[in-house]
Amino acid sequence: MTELTIPKEWTKANIEDLISEDGVFCDGDWIETEDQNPKGDVRLIQLADIGDGYFRDRSNRFLTSRKAEEIRCTYLQKGDILVARMPDPLGRACIFPLGSDRKYVTAVDVCIVRPNTKWLNLKYLAYLINSPRMRVEIEAFKSGTTRKRISRKNFGKILWPISPTSEQNKIAELIEELFSDLDNAIENLKKAKEQVRVYRQAVLKYAFDGTLNRTKSSSNKWMRKTIGEICITGSGGTPSRSNLKYFTGNIPWVKSGELDFNVIYDTEEKITQEALNNSSAKLVKKGTLLIALYGATVGKMAFLGIDAATNQAVCFIETPKYLIAKFLYYFLVLNRDILLGQRIGGAQPNISQTIIKNTLCPIPSVEEQDTIIKFIESCFSVCDKLEETIENSLKQAESLRQSILKQAFEGKLTEQWRKEHKDLISGENSAESLLKNIKAEKEALQVKPKGKKKHG
């Protein structure tokens, strides 16, 4: 690990050095399922709430004040820094933004940092914890085998680069300004991405309303048949999982989770001929259109790039010669929301083969179908390039965010500022004096930083 280089006006300190007389540096609380009560007045903040630099506000767990007092919980305060002691990423931190409208506690795998001192800028500290160089330090102190974590004790061993208070304020100000510009750029990129998605739908709508070939024909003259009338449909099955040998073959076996508007050339699992013979799984030919009937990918489609069997959550559609499979595919993409709106069932709603079979499909001439496919794919090719550019820009924006944090805590963002404000970073305003002032606060009241919970 390389030594962290910092400006000569800065110093290094661990978290304990930065906690004042009434501050807090402790883990959250061991709150078991039986301790919780959905009607309670104390909200439990969990790991899922801790974003990388922002509060996600996702959890919906509660306990009563009585229970919180009984197990001696530490109540959160607005402005507390919450650090996730488990990934992903490990050590991510955010400032707790919620007010005093109710009481809040947090889980044991979240570390609470509450300096409670005027000498330290909370935003500076939160940005510092999330900076790339300090993330490396946190990784170096992680432990565990299957579930990596950092203990509060190890987190307390890390030395953090601390600038004078005035420079902390300036660094936090500059980061917020740069991040605001970056967030605006990211928001515009996301809007552009959404506009591309809307454009794709507009292309499909235009292609299937007959406008594209209006000089040759009208969509009103297109033949319309249900998919069940003109196509062969079916679904597969799952060989018995109790017979492990069934899954040692070389026949590709497609599961619904592998469908993602793609072409499938390989599968996660493969089965034997015996498995195929002794189950409802069916071998489907290369080029066949597939659609997921239920599960996380319900309504998503794919083409087979190989001969393969499928499970029962996948419907295969074999088209006749006068209906090009890609034409049907694009038609179903256009109408996917309509299909999903017809889902039936409880815990895992599905669109069923019956819904697919009853779907009315336009059937222009094969020549028109080919023209429509070429038009769609030409437009989508442009969309693909735009989306690739947008995705690359989003990745660059995230890299720039990390670069800003890196430069900030190497002192490069404020290099010129230090030259112009030497009086604000020296003498009684120096970083060394900052630590002495916090230490003096502790000694004056003969109170040590609160760390009543020493969970590991």
Protein backbone atom coordinates (compact mmCIF):
# COMPACT_ATOMS: atom_id res chain seq x y z
CA MET A 1 0.00 0.00 0.00
CA THR A 2 1.44 3.37 -0.99
CA GLU A 3 1.78 6.12 1.57
CA LEU A 4 -0.96 8.71 1.38
CA THR A 5 0.59 12.02 0.32
CA ILE A 6 -1.03 15.11 1.78
CA PRO A 7 -0.17 18.84 1.84
CA LYS A 8 2.27 19.91 4.59
CA GLU A 9 -0.45 22.02 6.19
CA TRP A 10 -2.60 18.91 6.81
CA THR A 11 -2.32 16.18 9.43
CA LYS A 12 -3.59 12.64 9.93
CA ALA A 13 -5.94 11.37 12.60
CA ASN A 14 -8.19 8.43 13.36
CA ILE A 15 -11.93 8.77 13.97
CA GLU A 16 -11.54 8.70 17.77
CA ASP A 17 -9.35 11.82 17.54
CA LEU A 18 -12.18 13.64 15.76
CA ILE A 19 -15.00 12.85 18.19
CA SER A 20 -15.74 15.59 20.69
CA GLU A 21 -16.98 15.38 24.27
CA ASP A 22 -20.58 14.53 23.44
CA GLY A 23 -19.94 12.82 20.12
CA VAL A 24 -20.68 9.23 19.14
CA PHE A 25 -18.60 6.57 17.46
CA CYS A 26 -20.39 3.24 17.80
CA ASP A 27 -22.14 0.47 15.94
CA GLY A 28 -25.89 0.32 15.53
CA ASP A 29 -27.88 -2.12 17.60
CA TRP A 30 -28.56 -5.86 17.63
CA ILE A 31 -32.22 -5.79 16.75
CA GLU A 32 -33.70 -9.21 16.19
CA THR A 33 -36.83 -9.96 14.16
CA GLU A 34 -38.76 -10.57 17.38
CA ASP A 35 -37.78 -7.10 18.62
CA GLN A 36 -39.54 -5.46 15.68
CA ASN A 37 -43.12 -4.26 15.53
CA PRO A 38 -44.72 -2.85 12.33
CA LYS A 39 -46.83 -0.57 14.52
CA GLY A 40 -43.84 0.77 16.41
CA ASP A 41 -42.89 4.45 16.52
CA VAL A 42 -39.12 3.94 16.07
CA ARG A 43 -37.89 3.34 12.54
CA LEU A 44 -35.03 0.91 11.95
CA ILE A 45 -32.49 2.20 9.42
CA GLN A 46 -30.84 -0.72 7.61
CA LEU A 47 -27.87 -1.40 5.34
CA ALA A 48 -30.14 -1.00 2.30
CA ASP A 49 -30.66 2.65 3.28
CA ILE A 50 -26.96 3.48 3.09
CA GLY A 51 -26.01 4.64 -0.38
CA ASP A 52 -22.56 5.57 -1.66
CA GLY A 53 -22.71 9.22 -0.66
CA TYR A 54 -26.49 9.47 -0.38
CA PHE A 55 -29.33 8.19 1.80
CA ARG A 56 -31.50 5.69 -0.08
CA ASP A 57 -34.51 5.73 2.29
CA ARG A 58 -35.65 2.19 1.45
CA SER A 59 -36.33 0.36 4.69
CA ASN A 60 -39.72 -0.08 6.31
CA ARG A 61 -39.01 -1.75 9.67
CA PHE A 62 -40.03 -0.48 13.09
CA LEU A 63 -39.89 -1.19 16.80
CA THR A 64 -41.50 0.44 19.80
CA SER A 65 -39.85 3.09 21.97
CA ARG A 66 -40.23 0.73 24.89
CA LYS A 67 -38.26 -2.00 23.12
CA ALA A 68 -35.64 0.50 21.95
CA GLU A 69 -35.12 1.65 25.54
CA GLU A 70 -35.10 -1.92 26.79
CA ILE A 71 -32.23 -2.95 24.51
CA ARG A 72 -30.51 0.44 25.04
CA CYS A 73 -30.54 1.60 21.42
CA THR A 74 -28.58 4.62 20.25
CA TYR A 75 -30.99 7.08 18.65
CA LEU A 76 -29.87 8.68 15.40
CA GLN A 77 -29.68 12.43 14.90
CA LYS A 78 -29.98 14.40 11.70
CA GLY A 79 -26.45 14.93 10.41
CA ASP A 80 -25.00 11.66 11.72
CA ILE A 81 -22.61 9.97 9.31
CA LEU A 82 -23.69 6.38 8.72
CA VAL A 83 -21.02 3.97 7.49
CA ALA A 84 -21.92 0.55 6.06
CA ARG A 85 -19.60 -2.09 7.49
CA MET A 86 -20.62 -4.54 4.76
CA PRO A 87 -20.52 -4.26 0.95
CA ASP A 88 -21.39 -3.22 -1.63
CA PRO A 89 -19.28 -1.15 -1.60
CA LEU A 90 -17.71 -1.78 1.77
CA GLY A 91 -17.42 1.37 3.89
CA ARG A 92 -19.83 3.48 1.87
CA ALA A 93 -21.12 6.41 3.89
CA CYS A 94 -23.91 8.96 3.85
CA ILE A 95 -25.17 11.78 6.04
CA PHE A 96 -28.43 10.87 7.79
CA PRO A 97 -30.93 13.49 6.53
CA LEU A 98 -34.13 12.72 8.45
CA GLY A 99 -35.41 15.13 11.05
CA SER A 100 -37.08 14.87 14.42
CA ASP A 101 -40.55 13.84 13.19
CA ARG A 102 -39.93 10.39 14.70
CA LYS A 103 -37.18 8.37 16.43
CA TYR A 104 -34.63 6.39 14.45
CA VAL A 105 -32.14 3.64 15.26
CA THR A 106 -29.88 1.63 12.99
CA ALA A 107 -28.69 -1.93 12.51
CA VAL A 108 -25.51 -3.38 13.97
CA ASP A 109 -23.71 -3.47 10.59
CA VAL A 110 -23.96 0.30 10.33
CA CYS A 111 -21.44 2.45 12.17
CA ILE A 112 -22.57 5.81 13.58
CA VAL A 113 -20.11 8.72 13.44
CA ARG A 114 -21.22 11.89 15.24
CA PRO A 115 -18.23 14.22 15.85
CA ASN A 116 -20.28 17.01 17.50
CA THR A 117 -17.53 19.56 17.14
CA LYS A 118 -17.33 22.91 15.37
CA TRP A 119 -13.81 22.08 14.23
CA LEU A 120 -14.90 19.44 11.74
CA ASN A 121 -17.03 19.82 8.60
CA LEU A 122 -19.39 16.82 8.39
CA LYS A 123 -19.65 16.97 4.61
CA TYR A 124 -15.87 16.98 4.36
CA LEU A 125 -15.69 13.85 6.51
CA ALA A 126 -18.46 12.04 4.60
CA TYR A 127 -16.84 12.84 1.25
CA LEU A 128 -13.48 11.73 2.67
CA ILE A 129 -14.83 8.34 3.78
CA ASN A 130 -16.21 7.77 0.27
CA SER A 131 -13.05 8.88 -1.53
CA PRO A 132 -11.15 6.33 -3.67
CA ARG A 133 -7.94 6.41 -1.62
CA MET A 134 -9.74 5.90 1.69
CA ARG A 135 -11.85 3.14 0.13
CA VAL A 136 -8.53 1.34 -0.46
CA GLU A 137 -7.67 1.81 3.23
CA ILE A 138 -11.04 0.39 4.25
CA GLU A 139 -10.54 -2.64 1.98
CA ALA A 140 -7.18 -3.29 3.62
CA PHE A 141 -8.87 -3.65 7.02
CA LYS A 142 -11.73 -5.91 5.93
CA SER A 143 -12.20 -9.37 7.36
CA GLY A 144 -14.44 -12.40 6.85
CA THR A 145 -14.58 -15.16 4.27
CA THR A 146 -17.97 -15.40 2.57
CA ARG A 147 -19.27 -12.02 3.76
CA LYS A 148 -16.61 -9.35 3.88
CA ARG A 149 -16.97 -6.63 6.50
CA ILE A 150 -14.96 -4.07 8.42
CA SER A 151 -15.26 -4.02 12.19
CA ARG A 152 -15.74 -0.73 13.99
CA LYS A 153 -12.46 -1.41 15.78
CA ASN A 154 -10.58 -1.72 12.48
CA PHE A 155 -12.40 1.27 11.04
CA GLY A 156 -11.11 3.19 14.03
CA LYS A 157 -7.51 2.29 13.14
CA ILE A 158 -7.58 4.10 9.81
CA LEU A 159 -5.69 7.38 9.61
CA TRP A 160 -7.64 10.06 7.76
CA PRO A 161 -6.10 13.13 6.06
CA ILE A 162 -7.39 16.17 7.96
CA SER A 163 -7.09 19.70 6.64
CA PRO A 164 -7.60 22.89 8.66
CA THR A 165 -11.25 23.73 9.32
CA SER A 166 -11.38 26.61 6.82
CA GLU A 167 -9.96 24.40 4.11
CA GLN A 168 -12.42 21.64 4.99
CA ASN A 169 -15.22 24.11 4.39
CA LYS A 170 -13.71 25.12 1.06
CA ILE A 171 -13.16 21.52 -0.05
CA ALA A 172 -16.76 20.59 0.81
CA GLU A 173 -17.99 23.68 -1.06
CA LEU A 174 -15.94 22.89 -4.18
CA ILE A 175 -16.98 19.22 -4.20
CA GLU A 176 -20.64 20.15 -3.91
CA GLU A 177 -20.31 22.69 -6.71
CA LEU A 178 -18.56 20.21 -9.02
CA PHE A 179 -20.92 17.39 -8.10
CA SER A 180 -23.91 19.62 -8.76
CA ASP A 181 -22.66 20.31 -12.30
CA LEU A 182 -21.92 16.62 -12.73
CA ASP A 183 -25.37 15.60 -11.45
CA ASN A 184 -27.01 18.00 -13.90
CA ALA A 185 -25.01 16.47 -16.74
CA ILE A 186 -25.95 12.94 -15.60
CA GLU A 187 -29.61 13.93 -15.36
CA ASN A 188 -29.50 15.23 -18.94
CA LEU A 189 -27.85 11.99 -20.09
CA LYS A 190 -30.58 9.95 -18.38
CA LYS A 191 -33.23 12.11 -20.06
CA ALA A 192 -31.54 11.52 -23.40
CA LYS A 193 -31.54 7.78 -22.68
CA GLU A 194 -35.26 7.90 -21.96
CA GLN A 195 -35.86 9.87 -25.15
CA VAL A 196 -34.08 7.14 -27.13
CA ARG A 197 -36.38 4.56 -25.49
CA VAL A 198 -39.42 6.65 -26.43
CA TYR A 199 -38.08 7.02 -29.97
CA ARG A 200 -37.75 3.23 -30.27
CA GLN A 201 -41.41 2.85 -29.36
CA ALA A 202 -42.34 5.59 -31.83
CA VAL A 203 -40.43 3.74 -34.57
CA LEU A 204 -42.33 0.53 -33.81
CA LYS A 205 -45.66 2.33 -33.72
CA TYR A 206 -44.94 4.02 -37.05
CA ALA A 207 -43.84 0.71 -38.58
CA PHE A 208 -47.00 -1.15 -37.60
CA ASP A 209 -49.67 1.49 -38.20
CA GLY A 210 -49.27 1.11 -41.99
CA THR A 211 -47.78 4.58 -42.51
CA LEU A 212 -44.43 3.24 -43.70
CA ASN A 213 -45.90 1.55 -46.80
CA ARG A 214 -48.94 3.75 -47.29
CA THR A 215 -48.05 4.45 -50.94
CA LYS A 216 -48.18 0.70 -51.67
CA SER A 217 -50.88 -0.44 -49.34
CA SER A 218 -52.76 0.40 -46.16
CA SER A 219 -52.64 -1.32 -42.81
CA ASN A 220 -56.42 -1.59 -43.10
CA LYS A 221 -55.86 -4.17 -45.85
CA TRP A 222 -53.50 -6.29 -43.79
CA MET A 223 -54.76 -9.70 -42.83
CA ARG A 224 -55.13 -10.12 -39.05
CA LYS A 225 -55.02 -13.45 -37.30
CA THR A 226 -54.44 -14.53 -33.73
CA ILE A 227 -51.01 -16.00 -33.04
CA GLY A 228 -52.69 -19.26 -32.06
CA GLU A 229 -54.36 -19.51 -35.49
CA ILE A 230 -51.17 -19.24 -37.50
CA CYS A 231 -48.29 -20.28 -35.22
CA ILE A 232 -47.29 -23.39 -33.32
CA THR A 233 -46.70 -22.57 -29.67
CA GLY A 234 -45.60 -24.62 -26.70
CA SER A 235 -43.55 -24.60 -23.53
CA GLY A 236 -40.93 -26.86 -22.08
CA GLY A 237 -40.30 -28.43 -18.71
CA THR A 238 -37.77 -29.10 -15.98
CA PRO A 239 -36.22 -32.55 -15.63
CA SER A 240 -36.26 -33.95 -12.10
CA ARG A 241 -33.70 -32.10 -10.00
CA SER A 242 -33.35 -35.17 -7.80
CA ASN A 243 -31.57 -36.96 -10.64
CA LEU A 244 -28.27 -35.10 -10.83
CA LYS A 245 -27.19 -37.05 -13.92
CA TYR A 246 -29.94 -35.34 -15.92
CA PHE A 247 -27.92 -32.12 -15.79
CA THR A 248 -24.62 -33.53 -17.03
CA GLY A 249 -25.45 -33.67 -20.74
CA ASN A 250 -24.74 -31.46 -23.75
CA ILE A 251 -28.27 -30.41 -24.76
CA PRO A 252 -28.66 -26.66 -24.07
CA TRP A 253 -31.57 -25.97 -21.69
CA VAL A 254 -33.00 -22.44 -21.66
CA LYS A 255 -34.50 -20.90 -18.51
CA SER A 256 -36.70 -17.81 -18.55
CA GLY A 257 -34.02 -15.73 -16.82
CA GLU A 258 -31.82 -16.06 -19.89
CA LEU A 259 -34.26 -14.17 -22.12
CA ASP A 260 -33.38 -10.50 -22.50
CA PHE A 261 -34.27 -9.41 -26.06
CA ASN A 262 -31.19 -11.28 -27.19
CA VAL A 263 -30.00 -14.26 -29.23
CA ILE A 264 -29.16 -17.30 -27.12
CA TYR A 265 -26.04 -19.15 -28.23
CA ASP A 266 -25.27 -20.91 -24.96
CA THR A 267 -27.10 -21.78 -21.75
CA GLU A 268 -26.24 -21.88 -18.08
CA GLU A 269 -27.31 -25.52 -17.78
CA LYS A 270 -27.32 -28.48 -20.14
CA ILE A 271 -29.29 -31.71 -19.92
CA THR A 272 -28.98 -35.26 -21.21
CA GLN A 273 -31.10 -37.00 -23.84
CA GLU A 274 -32.49 -39.17 -21.03
CA ALA A 275 -33.60 -36.04 -19.18
CA LEU A 276 -35.29 -34.79 -22.33
CA ASN A 277 -37.07 -38.12 -22.81
CA ASN A 278 -38.28 -38.28 -19.21
CA SER A 279 -39.63 -34.74 -18.85
CA SER A 280 -41.92 -32.32 -20.62
CA ALA A 281 -38.89 -30.44 -21.94
CA LYS A 282 -38.89 -30.19 -25.74
CA LEU A 283 -36.09 -29.68 -28.24
CA VAL A 284 -36.71 -26.45 -30.15
CA LYS A 285 -35.03 -25.51 -33.43
CA LYS A 286 -32.50 -22.75 -33.98
CA GLY A 287 -34.17 -19.47 -35.04
CA THR A 288 -37.32 -20.04 -32.94
CA LEU A 289 -38.79 -17.08 -31.08
CA LEU A 290 -39.03 -17.45 -27.29
CA ILE A 291 -41.00 -15.41 -24.74
CA ALA A 292 -40.83 -15.63 -20.93
CA LEU A 293 -44.20 -16.49 -19.41
CA TYR A 294 -43.39 -15.58 -15.79
CA GLY A 295 -40.59 -14.74 -13.42
CA ALA A 296 -38.36 -11.67 -13.29
CA THR A 297 -38.07 -11.59 -17.09
CA VAL A 298 -41.78 -12.05 -17.85
CA GLY A 299 -42.58 -10.73 -21.32
CA LYS A 300 -38.96 -10.58 -22.40
CA MET A 301 -38.05 -12.36 -25.63
CA ALA A 302 -35.13 -13.99 -27.39
CA PHE A 303 -34.26 -15.95 -30.50
CA LEU A 304 -32.52 -19.30 -30.34
CA GLY A 305 -29.11 -19.21 -31.97
CA ILE A 306 -28.86 -22.97 -31.38
CA ASP A 307 -31.14 -25.97 -31.07
CA ALA A 308 -32.16 -26.12 -27.41
CA ALA A 309 -34.72 -27.32 -24.89
CA THR A 310 -36.60 -24.89 -22.61
CA ASN A 311 -38.17 -24.94 -19.19
CA GLN A 312 -41.88 -24.51 -18.50
CA ALA A 313 -41.57 -20.74 -17.99
CA VAL A 314 -40.59 -20.25 -21.63
CA CYS A 315 -43.04 -20.26 -24.53
CA PHE A 316 -41.68 -21.02 -27.99
CA ILE A 317 -43.40 -19.68 -31.12
CA GLU A 318 -42.85 -21.31 -34.51
CA THR A 319 -44.04 -19.09 -37.35
CA PRO A 320 -45.38 -20.17 -40.77
CA LYS A 321 -43.56 -19.27 -43.98
CA TYR A 322 -45.76 -16.23 -44.61
CA LEU A 323 -44.91 -14.66 -41.23
CA ILE A 324 -41.29 -13.66 -40.65
CA ALA A 325 -40.32 -14.41 -37.03
CA LYS A 326 -38.55 -11.04 -36.65
CA PHE A 327 -41.70 -9.24 -37.79
CA LEU A 328 -43.68 -11.00 -35.05
CA TYR A 329 -40.90 -10.28 -32.56
CA TYR A 330 -41.00 -6.52 -33.18
CA PHE A 331 -44.79 -6.55 -33.06
CA LEU A 332 -44.70 -8.24 -29.64
CA VAL A 333 -42.04 -5.79 -28.40
CA LEU A 334 -44.39 -2.96 -29.35
CA ASN A 335 -47.24 -4.62 -27.49
CA ARG A 336 -45.33 -5.99 -24.51
CA ASP A 337 -47.03 -3.63 -22.03
CA ILE A 338 -50.43 -4.80 -23.29
CA LEU A 339 -49.41 -8.41 -22.77
CA LEU A 340 -48.11 -7.67 -19.28
CA GLY A 341 -51.36 -5.90 -18.47
CA GLN A 342 -53.18 -9.20 -19.02
CA ARG A 343 -51.10 -11.17 -16.52
CA ILE A 344 -52.98 -13.49 -14.23
CA GLY A 345 -52.09 -15.25 -10.99
CA GLY A 346 -51.10 -14.23 -7.48
CA ALA A 347 -47.54 -14.31 -6.16
CA GLN A 348 -46.01 -14.82 -9.60
CA PRO A 349 -48.36 -13.43 -12.29
CA ASN A 350 -47.87 -14.93 -15.75
CA ILE A 351 -48.99 -14.06 -19.25
CA SER A 352 -49.82 -17.69 -20.15
CA GLN A 353 -49.80 -19.29 -23.59
CA THR A 354 -53.52 -18.59 -23.93
CA ILE A 355 -52.91 -14.83 -23.75
CA ILE A 356 -50.19 -15.12 -26.38
CA LYS A 357 -52.34 -17.32 -28.64
CA ASN A 358 -55.26 -14.88 -28.44
CA THR A 359 -53.08 -11.91 -29.42
CA LEU A 360 -54.20 -10.53 -32.78
CA CYS A 361 -51.27 -10.06 -35.16
CA PRO A 362 -51.19 -8.06 -38.42
CA ILE A 363 -49.91 -10.01 -41.44
CA PRO A 364 -48.90 -7.88 -44.43
CA SER A 365 -47.17 -9.48 -47.40
CA VAL A 366 -43.76 -11.02 -46.81
CA GLU A 367 -42.29 -8.21 -48.95
CA GLU A 368 -43.85 -5.57 -46.68
CA GLN A 369 -42.74 -7.45 -43.58
CA ASP A 370 -39.17 -7.42 -44.86
CA THR A 371 -39.37 -3.67 -45.61
CA ILE A 372 -40.70 -2.99 -42.10
CA ILE A 373 -37.98 -5.11 -40.47
CA LYS A 374 -35.23 -3.29 -42.39
CA PHE A 375 -36.71 0.10 -41.45
CA ILE A 376 -36.91 -0.81 -37.76
CA GLU A 377 -33.41 -2.24 -37.65
CA SER A 378 -31.96 0.77 -39.47
CA CYS A 379 -33.52 3.12 -36.89
CA PHE A 380 -32.58 0.85 -33.99
CA SER A 381 -28.97 0.76 -35.20
CA VAL A 382 -28.83 4.54 -34.72
CA CYS A 383 -30.45 4.12 -31.30
CA ASP A 384 -27.86 1.51 -30.33
CA LYS A 385 -25.03 3.90 -31.16
CA LEU A 386 -26.69 6.72 -29.23
CA GLU A 387 -27.23 4.50 -26.20
CA GLU A 388 -23.63 3.32 -26.35
CA THR A 389 -22.44 6.94 -26.39
CA ILE A 390 -24.74 7.80 -23.47
CA GLU A 391 -23.58 4.77 -21.43
CA ASN A 392 -19.93 5.66 -22.05
CA SER A 393 -20.63 9.23 -20.96
CA LEU A 394 -22.34 8.00 -17.78
CA LYS A 395 -19.32 5.83 -16.98
CA GLN A 396 -17.01 8.78 -17.62
CA ALA A 397 -19.15 10.91 -15.31
CA GLU A 398 -18.74 8.38 -12.50
CA SER A 399 -14.97 8.26 -13.15
CA LEU A 400 -14.92 12.04 -13.00
CA ARG A 401 -16.75 11.94 -9.66
CA GLN A 402 -14.05 9.65 -8.26
CA SER A 403 -11.36 11.86 -9.75
CA ILE A 404 -12.84 14.92 -8.01
CA LEU A 405 -12.77 13.13 -4.65
CA LYS A 406 -9.23 11.90 -5.25
CA GLN A 407 -7.95 15.37 -6.06
CA ALA A 408 -9.88 16.91 -3.17
CA PHE A 409 -8.21 14.75 -0.53
CA GLU A 410 -4.77 15.02 -2.05
CA GLY A 411 -5.11 18.78 -1.61
CA LYS A 412 -5.06 19.51 -5.33
CA LEU A 413 -8.51 21.14 -5.52
CA THR A 414 -7.48 23.76 -2.98
CA GLU A 415 -3.83 24.15 -3.93
CA GLN A 416 -4.26 27.73 -5.16
CA TRP A 417 -6.66 28.54 -2.31
CA ARG A 418 -3.99 27.60 0.26
CA LYS A 419 -1.49 29.96 -1.36
CA GLU A 420 -4.02 32.79 -1.12
CA HIS A 421 -5.24 32.06 2.44
CA LYS A 422 -2.16 31.13 4.46
CA ASP A 423 -3.55 32.87 7.54
CA LEU A 424 -6.56 30.51 7.57
CA ILE A 425 -4.45 27.34 7.65
CA SER A 426 -1.61 28.22 10.00
CA GLY A 427 -1.07 28.93 13.69
CA GLU A 428 -4.24 28.60 15.72
CA ASN A 429 -6.08 27.77 12.47
CA SER A 430 -3.83 24.85 11.55
CA ALA A 431 -4.84 21.22 11.33
CA GLU A 432 -2.67 20.38 14.35
CA SER A 433 -4.50 23.02 16.37
CA LEU A 434 -7.80 21.49 15.26
CA LEU A 435 -6.87 18.21 16.93
CA LYS A 436 -5.61 19.99 20.04
CA ASN A 437 -8.88 21.92 20.30
CA ILE A 438 -10.96 18.72 20.09
CA LYS A 439 -8.73 17.10 22.72
CA ALA A 440 -9.11 20.13 24.97
CA GLU A 441 -12.90 19.90 24.68
CA LYS A 442 -12.76 16.33 25.93
CA GLU A 443 -10.42 17.05 28.81
CA ALA A 444 -12.36 20.12 29.92
CA LEU A 445 -15.46 18.07 30.57
CA GLN A 446 -13.55 14.89 31.43
CA VAL A 447 -15.74 12.97 28.96
CA LYS A 448 -14.41 10.47 26.44
CA PRO A 449 -16.00 9.83 23.03
CA LYS A 450 -19.08 7.69 23.44
CA GLY A 451 -18.52 4.18 22.26
CA LYS A 452 -20.85 2.24 24.48
CA LYS A 453 -21.42 -0.35 21.79
CA LYS A 454 -18.28 -2.22 20.81
CA HIS A 455 -19.84 -4.63 18.33
CA GLY A 456 -17.21 -6.09 16.01
